[in-house]
Amino acid sequence: MNNTIKTGVLSFGMSGSLFHCPFLELHKGFELTAIVERSKKKAQQEYANITSYDSVDELLNDSTIELVIINTPSATHFDFAFKAIQLNKHILVEKPFTITSAEAKILYQEAKKNNCFIMPFQNRRYDSDFLSVKSVVESGKLGDLVEVHFRYDRYKPAMNQTASKELPIPGNGVLYNLIPHTLDAAIALFGIPESWNKTLHGNRAETQIDDYAHIHLKYPNGLQVFLTANLLVANALPAFVLHGAKGSYMKERTDVQETQLNAGIKPNNPLFGVEPPGKEGVLTIVKDDVKTQEKIGLIKASYLNVFEAVYQTIRNNVPYPVTEAQVVKQIEILED
């Protein structure tokens, strides 16, 4: 019996063409069934058997589709997700999951009524650099953590060529665009913080949205976590800096998957997700006043693991790695 999950993707822009379709094509548990393309019809050049719909409603009303990937502009996530759930579809939703925590709670309530699964798409949990950090934290080599910095920096002084992305509408700006990656990383590793505060600013000439965001998370055990996203960083700092009672760990943002996908390298290529030598993170340990350093081995990564988790959740009822409590708290922190 064919037990593949027939899947529809709501957009074939960058995220659809890079982060979703190549993995849906590769994973034997999915059948890429349909894509929404409002104007340029490009998808069938790569995926001959798909249906190209002109609108979201057309795809959602396709009764053969079991899973819908919501990768449209941030402000549309709630409406499209709600419609999909009402039509008994499972949903995989890109970040930010929703604009408000109230919207997130409504979606989870409706999903439970309709026996649908909700799966937030936090693919950066499967970046090689994050996996390296995770391995060091779980090893206990740092001892009790004291101070952690996660950064997502870019140098983009010019306005986005897509004018709508620069408008002061809900979901625009680095707080909702980049901080969800770092916030999810913090929550995944350290749990729910007890309090937080944040700073937002627009520094580029003529900007109408935040291009700098900083959040300080405070944990009950004294751990201080600092999350920063900045579009005006010409010489990036290490993206991951962790200080503990026994030592420190520093790692650049070095995952290569997006670059490889842009270059046309397929996820089944043996070199996919493999960082080049020399990008290892450095672990510094001090014991008996003696400082030692070691490079932490590179970890092969693949976003295919996201889709494996989705498959296991839908077909085998395995709990999805990003929980309702985690994503609702993420949105509460963003909106507060």
Protein backbone atom coordinates (compact mmCIF):
# COMPACT_ATOMS: atom_id res chain seq x y z
CA MET A 1 0.00 0.00 0.00
CA ASN A 2 1.27 3.46 -0.91
CA ASN A 3 1.70 5.27 2.38
CA THR A 4 3.39 8.41 1.06
CA ILE A 5 2.26 11.79 2.35
CA LYS A 6 0.86 13.88 -0.50
CA THR A 7 2.21 17.37 0.11
CA GLY A 8 1.42 20.85 -1.16
CA VAL A 9 3.77 23.85 -0.93
CA LEU A 10 2.24 27.34 -0.83
CA SER A 11 5.13 29.14 -2.53
CA PHE A 12 7.95 28.25 -4.90
CA GLY A 13 10.16 31.19 -3.97
CA MET A 14 13.53 30.78 -2.28
CA SER A 15 12.28 28.71 0.65
CA GLY A 16 10.08 26.46 -1.46
CA SER A 17 12.70 25.79 -4.11
CA LEU A 18 15.62 25.39 -1.67
CA PHE A 19 14.42 24.32 1.77
CA HIS A 20 11.40 22.17 0.95
CA CYS A 21 11.01 20.72 -2.53
CA PRO A 22 14.48 19.10 -2.85
CA PHE A 23 13.93 17.21 0.41
CA LEU A 24 10.33 16.25 -0.36
CA GLU A 25 11.57 14.82 -3.65
CA LEU A 26 14.33 12.83 -1.94
CA HIS A 27 12.42 11.48 1.06
CA LYS A 28 10.51 8.37 0.01
CA GLY A 29 7.77 9.07 2.55
CA PHE A 30 6.51 12.14 0.67
CA GLU A 31 4.96 12.86 -2.70
CA LEU A 32 5.35 16.46 -3.83
CA THR A 33 1.86 16.91 -5.24
CA ALA A 34 1.19 20.61 -5.78
CA ILE A 35 2.73 24.08 -5.57
CA VAL A 36 1.14 27.53 -5.67
CA GLU A 37 2.65 29.75 -8.37
CA ARG A 38 0.71 32.95 -8.87
CA SER A 39 2.63 34.21 -11.91
CA LYS A 40 5.91 32.56 -12.95
CA LYS A 41 5.33 28.87 -13.60
CA LYS A 42 8.76 27.35 -12.96
CA ALA A 43 8.14 24.38 -10.69
CA GLN A 44 7.21 21.90 -13.41
CA GLN A 45 10.58 22.45 -15.08
CA GLU A 46 12.08 20.65 -12.06
CA TYR A 47 9.14 18.58 -10.85
CA ALA A 48 7.25 17.35 -13.88
CA ASN A 49 4.45 15.56 -12.02
CA ILE A 50 3.29 18.38 -9.77
CA THR A 51 0.12 20.44 -10.18
CA SER A 52 0.76 24.19 -10.31
CA TYR A 53 -2.14 26.05 -8.72
CA ASP A 54 -2.83 29.75 -9.22
CA SER A 55 -4.02 30.36 -5.66
CA VAL A 56 -3.66 29.10 -2.12
CA ASP A 57 -7.37 28.29 -1.90
CA GLU A 58 -7.11 26.00 -4.93
CA LEU A 59 -4.33 24.00 -3.31
CA LEU A 60 -6.06 23.86 0.08
CA ASN A 61 -9.22 22.53 -1.56
CA ASP A 62 -7.33 19.68 -3.19
CA SER A 63 -8.70 16.76 -1.20
CA THR A 64 -5.75 14.52 -2.07
CA ILE A 65 -3.26 16.71 -0.19
CA GLU A 66 -2.55 15.61 3.37
CA LEU A 67 0.26 17.99 4.37
CA VAL A 68 0.52 21.71 3.57
CA ILE A 69 3.79 23.61 3.87
CA ILE A 70 3.10 27.23 4.77
CA ASN A 71 6.07 29.25 3.51
CA THR A 72 4.31 32.48 2.57
CA PRO A 73 4.95 35.99 4.03
CA SER A 74 4.89 36.02 7.84
CA ALA A 75 1.66 37.99 8.23
CA THR A 76 -0.25 35.36 6.21
CA HIS A 77 0.78 32.33 8.27
CA PHE A 78 -2.15 32.37 10.66
CA ASP A 79 -4.90 32.72 8.05
CA PHE A 80 -3.49 30.05 5.74
CA ALA A 81 -2.75 27.67 8.63
CA PHE A 82 -6.25 28.12 10.03
CA LYS A 83 -7.82 27.38 6.63
CA ALA A 84 -5.65 24.31 6.17
CA ILE A 85 -6.57 22.92 9.57
CA GLN A 86 -10.28 23.48 8.90
CA LEU A 87 -9.82 21.34 5.81
CA ASN A 88 -8.17 18.62 7.92
CA LYS A 89 -4.64 19.15 6.63
CA HIS A 90 -1.48 18.69 8.66
CA ILE A 91 0.73 21.79 8.48
CA LEU A 92 4.45 22.55 8.46
CA VAL A 93 4.83 26.28 9.17
CA GLU A 94 7.93 28.37 8.61
CA LYS A 95 9.18 30.90 11.12
CA PRO A 96 7.83 33.07 12.51
CA PHE A 97 5.12 30.56 13.29
CA THR A 98 2.58 33.36 13.81
CA ILE A 99 2.75 37.06 14.67
CA THR A 100 1.01 36.73 18.03
CA SER A 101 0.89 34.03 20.68
CA ALA A 102 -2.92 34.27 20.69
CA GLU A 103 -2.89 33.17 17.04
CA ALA A 104 -0.52 30.31 17.84
CA LYS A 105 -2.78 29.07 20.64
CA ILE A 106 -5.84 29.19 18.38
CA LEU A 107 -4.09 27.07 15.75
CA TYR A 108 -3.11 24.40 18.26
CA GLN A 109 -6.65 24.34 19.69
CA GLU A 110 -8.19 23.94 16.24
CA ALA A 111 -5.65 21.30 15.24
CA LYS A 112 -6.57 19.18 18.25
CA LYS A 113 -10.26 19.45 17.34
CA ASN A 114 -9.53 18.32 13.79
CA ASN A 115 -6.91 15.67 14.65
CA CYS A 116 -4.26 17.55 12.70
CA PHE A 117 -0.57 17.84 13.44
CA ILE A 118 1.14 21.24 13.64
CA MET A 119 4.87 21.28 12.98
CA PRO A 120 6.91 24.50 13.20
CA PHE A 121 9.71 24.51 10.61
CA GLN A 122 12.82 25.29 12.69
CA ASN A 123 15.36 23.90 10.25
CA ARG A 124 18.35 25.56 11.94
CA ARG A 125 18.17 22.86 14.61
CA TYR A 126 19.72 20.72 11.88
CA ASP A 127 22.57 23.09 11.00
CA SER A 128 26.04 21.62 11.49
CA ASP A 129 27.13 24.56 13.66
CA PHE A 130 24.14 24.22 16.00
CA LEU A 131 24.65 20.47 16.21
CA SER A 132 28.26 21.11 17.24
CA VAL A 133 27.14 23.49 19.98
CA LYS A 134 24.51 20.98 21.11
CA SER A 135 27.10 18.21 21.35
CA VAL A 136 29.38 20.36 23.51
CA VAL A 137 26.55 21.45 25.83
CA GLU A 138 25.34 17.87 26.26
CA SER A 139 28.88 16.61 26.91
CA GLY A 140 29.01 18.64 30.15
CA LYS A 141 32.59 19.71 29.39
CA LEU A 142 31.75 23.37 30.00
CA GLY A 143 30.32 22.71 33.43
CA ASP A 144 27.44 24.89 34.60
CA LEU A 145 26.81 27.47 31.90
CA VAL A 146 27.03 31.11 32.94
CA GLU A 147 26.83 33.24 29.78
CA VAL A 148 25.79 32.42 26.21
CA HIS A 149 25.71 34.57 23.06
CA PHE A 150 23.95 33.55 19.84
CA ARG A 151 24.24 35.91 16.87
CA TYR A 152 22.71 36.06 13.40
CA ASP A 153 24.60 38.78 11.54
CA ARG A 154 24.58 40.00 7.96
CA TYR A 155 25.87 43.04 6.12
CA LYS A 156 22.98 44.42 4.08
CA PRO A 157 23.00 48.23 4.25
CA ALA A 158 20.79 48.57 1.16
CA MET A 159 17.03 48.23 1.28
CA ASN A 160 15.56 44.88 0.23
CA GLN A 161 14.70 44.83 -3.47
CA THR A 162 11.33 43.35 -2.56
CA ALA A 163 9.77 46.60 -1.37
CA SER A 164 7.03 44.91 0.65
CA LYS A 165 9.65 43.40 2.97
CA GLU A 166 10.70 46.91 4.04
CA LEU A 167 7.21 48.07 5.00
CA PRO A 168 6.34 48.44 8.71
CA ILE A 169 3.84 45.60 8.73
CA PRO A 170 3.61 42.75 11.27
CA GLY A 171 6.34 40.18 10.79
CA ASN A 172 8.82 42.39 8.95
CA GLY A 173 12.21 43.21 10.46
CA VAL A 174 15.00 41.11 11.93
CA LEU A 175 13.10 40.46 15.18
CA TYR A 176 10.66 38.20 13.36
CA ASN A 177 12.94 37.22 10.47
CA LEU A 178 16.23 36.21 12.12
CA ILE A 179 15.77 36.17 15.89
CA PRO A 180 13.43 33.11 15.74
CA HIS A 181 16.47 31.04 14.70
CA THR A 182 18.49 32.08 17.75
CA LEU A 183 15.50 32.02 20.08
CA ASP A 184 14.57 28.51 19.07
CA ALA A 185 18.19 27.44 19.56
CA ALA A 186 18.20 28.85 23.10
CA ILE A 187 14.88 27.26 24.03
CA ALA A 188 15.89 23.93 22.50
CA LEU A 189 19.13 23.83 24.49
CA PHE A 190 18.26 25.56 27.75
CA GLY A 191 14.47 25.43 28.07
CA ILE A 192 11.99 28.21 28.79
CA PRO A 193 13.51 31.38 30.32
CA GLU A 194 11.97 32.93 33.42
CA SER A 195 12.18 36.51 32.10
CA TRP A 196 13.49 38.53 29.17
CA ASN A 197 13.92 42.00 27.76
CA LYS A 198 14.67 43.26 24.29
CA THR A 199 16.01 46.17 22.28
CA LEU A 200 15.02 47.01 18.70
CA HIS A 201 16.39 49.68 16.38
CA GLY A 202 16.50 50.69 12.73
CA ASN A 203 19.98 51.83 11.72
CA ARG A 204 19.98 51.76 7.91
CA ALA A 205 19.23 55.00 6.09
CA GLU A 206 15.48 55.37 5.42
CA THR A 207 14.59 52.07 7.09
CA GLN A 208 11.04 51.69 8.39
CA ILE A 209 11.66 48.41 10.20
CA ASP A 210 14.05 47.06 12.79
CA ASP A 211 17.40 45.94 11.38
CA TYR A 212 18.91 45.41 14.84
CA ALA A 213 17.37 43.24 17.54
CA HIS A 214 18.75 42.08 20.87
CA ILE A 215 17.05 39.88 23.46
CA HIS A 216 18.38 39.05 26.92
CA LEU A 217 16.99 35.79 28.35
CA LYS A 218 17.33 35.10 32.07
CA TYR A 219 17.17 31.57 33.48
CA PRO A 220 16.41 30.45 37.07
CA ASN A 221 19.88 28.93 37.53
CA GLY A 222 21.60 32.24 36.78
CA LEU A 223 22.34 31.52 33.13
CA GLN A 224 22.27 34.67 30.98
CA VAL A 225 21.58 34.21 27.25
CA PHE A 226 21.99 37.04 24.75
CA LEU A 227 20.48 36.85 21.26
CA THR A 228 21.45 39.38 18.57
CA ALA A 229 20.55 39.94 14.92
CA ASN A 230 22.13 42.82 13.02
CA LEU A 231 22.10 43.73 9.33
CA LEU A 232 25.10 46.06 9.65
CA VAL A 233 27.94 43.71 10.59
CA ALA A 234 30.74 43.81 8.02
CA ASN A 235 33.06 41.51 9.97
CA ALA A 236 30.99 38.90 11.75
CA LEU A 237 31.75 37.76 15.28
CA PRO A 238 31.47 34.09 16.26
CA ALA A 239 27.80 33.15 16.07
CA PHE A 240 27.98 30.88 19.12
CA VAL A 241 29.86 31.81 22.29
CA LEU A 242 29.33 29.80 25.47
CA HIS A 243 31.05 30.35 28.82
CA GLY A 244 30.77 27.85 31.65
CA ALA A 245 32.37 27.14 35.01
CA LYS A 246 34.95 24.84 33.37
CA GLY A 247 35.61 26.56 30.06
CA SER A 248 34.35 28.19 26.88
CA TYR A 249 33.26 27.19 23.39
CA MET A 250 33.21 29.38 20.29
CA LYS A 251 31.89 28.51 16.85
CA GLU A 252 31.32 30.48 13.67
CA ARG A 253 28.08 30.20 11.71
CA THR A 254 29.43 27.70 9.21
CA ASP A 255 26.57 25.51 7.99
CA VAL A 256 26.89 25.06 4.22
CA GLN A 257 23.48 23.64 3.28
CA GLU A 258 21.89 26.87 2.01
CA THR A 259 25.00 27.72 -0.02
CA GLN A 260 25.11 24.23 -1.49
CA LEU A 261 21.41 24.24 -2.37
CA ASN A 262 21.85 27.62 -4.09
CA ALA A 263 24.71 26.09 -6.08
CA GLY A 264 22.50 23.22 -7.23
CA ILE A 265 24.05 20.57 -4.98
CA LYS A 266 21.38 18.00 -4.13
CA PRO A 267 20.78 16.70 -0.58
CA ASN A 268 21.80 13.16 -1.64
CA ASN A 269 25.29 14.32 -2.65
CA PRO A 270 27.83 12.74 -0.24
CA LEU A 271 29.35 16.18 0.35
CA PHE A 272 26.02 17.80 1.22
CA GLY A 273 26.02 19.32 4.71
CA VAL A 274 29.75 18.78 5.23
CA GLU A 275 31.64 21.85 6.43
CA PRO A 276 35.09 22.44 4.91
CA PRO A 277 38.10 21.66 7.14
CA GLY A 278 39.26 24.56 9.27
CA LYS A 279 35.78 25.58 10.40
CA GLU A 280 35.83 23.61 13.64
CA GLY A 281 34.70 25.25 16.85
CA VAL A 282 37.26 25.72 19.63
CA LEU A 283 36.70 24.32 23.10
CA THR A 284 38.84 25.87 25.83
CA ILE A 285 39.04 24.09 29.19
CA VAL A 286 40.86 25.27 32.32
CA LYS A 287 41.78 22.66 34.92
CA ASP A 288 44.21 23.21 37.79
CA ASP A 289 45.13 26.57 36.24
CA VAL A 290 46.17 24.84 33.01
CA LYS A 291 44.41 25.94 29.84
CA THR A 292 43.94 23.43 27.03
CA GLN A 293 42.21 23.87 23.69
CA GLU A 294 40.76 21.38 21.25
CA LYS A 295 38.92 21.63 17.97
CA ILE A 296 35.53 19.95 17.97
CA GLY A 297 35.05 17.65 14.99
CA LEU A 298 32.77 18.71 12.18
CA ILE A 299 29.26 17.24 12.10
CA LYS A 300 27.52 16.36 8.84
CA ALA A 301 24.09 17.95 8.72
CA SER A 302 20.95 17.66 6.61
CA TYR A 303 17.54 19.30 6.60
CA LEU A 304 16.26 15.93 5.47
CA ASN A 305 16.05 15.23 9.20
CA VAL A 306 13.28 17.84 9.48
CA PHE A 307 11.19 15.91 6.98
CA GLU A 308 11.97 12.60 8.64
CA ALA A 309 10.63 14.09 11.88
CA VAL A 310 7.50 15.28 10.03
CA TYR A 311 7.00 11.84 8.52
CA GLN A 312 7.41 10.08 11.86
CA THR A 313 4.94 12.45 13.50
CA ILE A 314 2.24 12.03 10.86
CA ARG A 315 2.62 8.31 10.19
CA ASN A 316 3.81 6.96 13.54
CA ASN A 317 2.57 9.58 16.00
CA VAL A 318 6.12 10.29 17.20
CA PRO A 319 6.21 13.63 19.12
CA TYR A 320 7.53 16.42 16.88
CA PRO A 321 10.82 17.92 18.18
CA VAL A 322 9.49 21.52 18.32
CA THR A 323 6.73 21.46 20.93
CA GLU A 324 3.65 23.61 21.33
CA ALA A 325 5.02 25.07 24.58
CA GLN A 326 8.30 25.99 22.89
CA VAL A 327 6.81 27.74 19.89
CA VAL A 328 4.12 29.58 21.89
CA LYS A 329 6.79 30.87 24.28
CA GLN A 330 8.93 31.92 21.32
CA ILE A 331 6.09 34.05 19.96
CA GLU A 332 5.31 35.46 23.41
CA ILE A 333 8.91 36.65 23.67
CA LEU A 334 8.86 38.17 20.18
CA GLU A 335 5.61 40.07 20.74
CA ASP A 336 6.25 41.20 24.34
